[in-house]
Amino acid sequence: YQGIEFFSALRRLGKEAYMFNYNGEKHGLRQRENQKHWTVHQDEFFDHFLLGKPKPEWMEKGVPFLERGTRDVTPLYKPAEEKTGEEAKK
């Protein structure tokens, strides 16, 4: 529960914070789909804060409870070994 406490404390302090909760997962992600989901969202987070790209929709609006886990990140996910040339430098 420390993650929830940390997230809540940041929000109380008025800080921008995001929390991901994957049902059935403990501290580390073991399910492949959850790993892909996390990777894509982490990339989008850093793209926004480090590269100045626009915020993705999940950062602007959040994700409604009933829509959790329904985003298909497959088209956005490409393992590092498949990236080539300019794409690998991004």
Protein backbone atom coordinates (compact mmCIF):
# COMPACT_ATOMS: atom_id res chain seq x y z
CA TYR A 1 0.00 0.00 0.00
CA GLN A 2 3.00 2.31 0.06
CA GLY A 3 2.46 3.14 -3.61
CA ILE A 4 -1.08 4.32 -2.90
CA GLU A 5 0.13 6.37 0.07
CA PHE A 6 2.90 7.96 -2.00
CA PHE A 7 0.51 8.76 -4.87
CA SER A 8 -2.04 10.25 -2.45
CA ALA A 9 0.63 12.38 -0.75
CA LEU A 10 1.80 13.78 -4.10
CA ARG A 11 -1.78 14.63 -5.06
CA ARG A 12 -2.41 16.31 -1.70
CA LEU A 13 0.68 18.44 -2.32
CA GLY A 14 -0.75 19.48 -5.69
CA LYS A 15 1.85 17.54 -7.68
CA GLU A 16 1.12 15.93 -11.00
CA ALA A 17 1.17 12.18 -10.37
CA TYR A 18 0.04 9.05 -12.15
CA MET A 19 -0.59 5.62 -10.71
CA PHE A 20 -0.93 2.35 -12.57
CA ASN A 21 -2.56 -0.61 -10.86
CA TYR A 22 -2.55 -3.98 -12.60
CA ASN A 23 -4.96 -6.49 -11.07
CA GLY A 24 -3.35 -9.82 -10.25
CA GLU A 25 0.16 -8.38 -10.33
CA LYS A 26 2.37 -7.93 -7.33
CA HIS A 27 5.42 -5.62 -7.19
CA GLY A 28 6.73 -6.58 -10.64
CA LEU A 29 4.74 -7.15 -13.80
CA ARG A 30 4.71 -10.77 -14.97
CA GLN A 31 1.88 -10.80 -17.52
CA ARG A 32 3.18 -9.94 -20.99
CA GLU A 33 0.23 -7.69 -21.90
CA ASN A 34 0.72 -5.67 -18.73
CA GLN A 35 4.43 -5.32 -19.50
CA LYS A 36 3.61 -4.00 -22.98
CA HIS A 37 0.99 -1.63 -21.56
CA TRP A 38 3.46 -0.26 -18.99
CA THR A 39 6.22 0.16 -21.58
CA VAL A 40 4.01 2.17 -23.95
CA HIS A 41 2.70 4.39 -21.17
CA GLN A 42 6.18 4.96 -19.78
CA ASP A 43 7.39 5.95 -23.27
CA GLU A 44 4.46 8.38 -23.62
CA PHE A 45 5.22 9.87 -20.20
CA PHE A 46 8.87 10.54 -21.06
CA ASP A 47 7.99 11.71 -24.58
CA HIS A 48 5.81 14.39 -23.00
CA PHE A 49 8.10 15.51 -20.18
CA LEU A 50 11.46 15.14 -21.90
CA LEU A 51 10.70 15.70 -25.58
CA GLY A 52 7.83 18.17 -25.24
CA LYS A 53 5.28 16.05 -27.10
CA PRO A 54 1.60 16.65 -26.30
CA LYS A 55 0.10 14.81 -23.36
CA PRO A 56 -1.59 11.57 -24.36
CA GLU A 57 -5.29 11.27 -23.60
CA TRP A 58 -4.74 9.09 -20.52
CA MET A 59 -2.68 11.88 -18.93
CA GLU A 60 -5.29 14.53 -19.69
CA LYS A 61 -8.48 12.68 -18.80
CA GLY A 62 -7.41 9.62 -16.84
CA VAL A 63 -8.90 6.20 -17.49
CA PRO A 64 -12.44 5.40 -16.32
CA PHE A 65 -12.62 2.31 -14.12
CA LEU A 66 -14.72 0.35 -16.61
CA GLU A 67 -12.23 1.06 -19.41
CA ARG A 68 -9.15 -0.13 -17.51
CA GLY A 69 -7.10 -2.58 -19.50
CA THR A 70 -9.04 -2.10 -22.73
CA ARG A 71 -6.51 0.07 -24.56
CA ASP A 72 -4.81 -1.95 -27.28
CA VAL A 73 -1.16 -0.90 -27.16
CA THR A 74 -0.01 -3.57 -29.61
CA PRO A 75 0.36 -1.16 -32.57
CA LEU A 76 2.44 1.18 -30.37
CA TYR A 77 4.68 -1.48 -28.88
CA LYS A 78 7.75 -2.59 -30.75
CA PRO A 79 10.55 -4.43 -28.94
CA ALA A 80 13.99 -2.81 -29.15
CA GLU A 81 15.41 -5.56 -31.36
CA GLU A 82 12.80 -4.72 -34.02
CA LYS A 83 13.63 -1.01 -34.10
CA THR A 84 15.99 0.09 -36.83
CA GLY A 85 17.67 3.25 -38.06
CA GLU A 86 16.07 6.54 -37.07
CA GLU A 87 13.31 4.76 -35.18
CA ALA A 88 15.85 3.26 -32.76
CA LYS A 89 17.23 6.73 -32.01
CA LYS A 90 13.85 8.10 -30.87
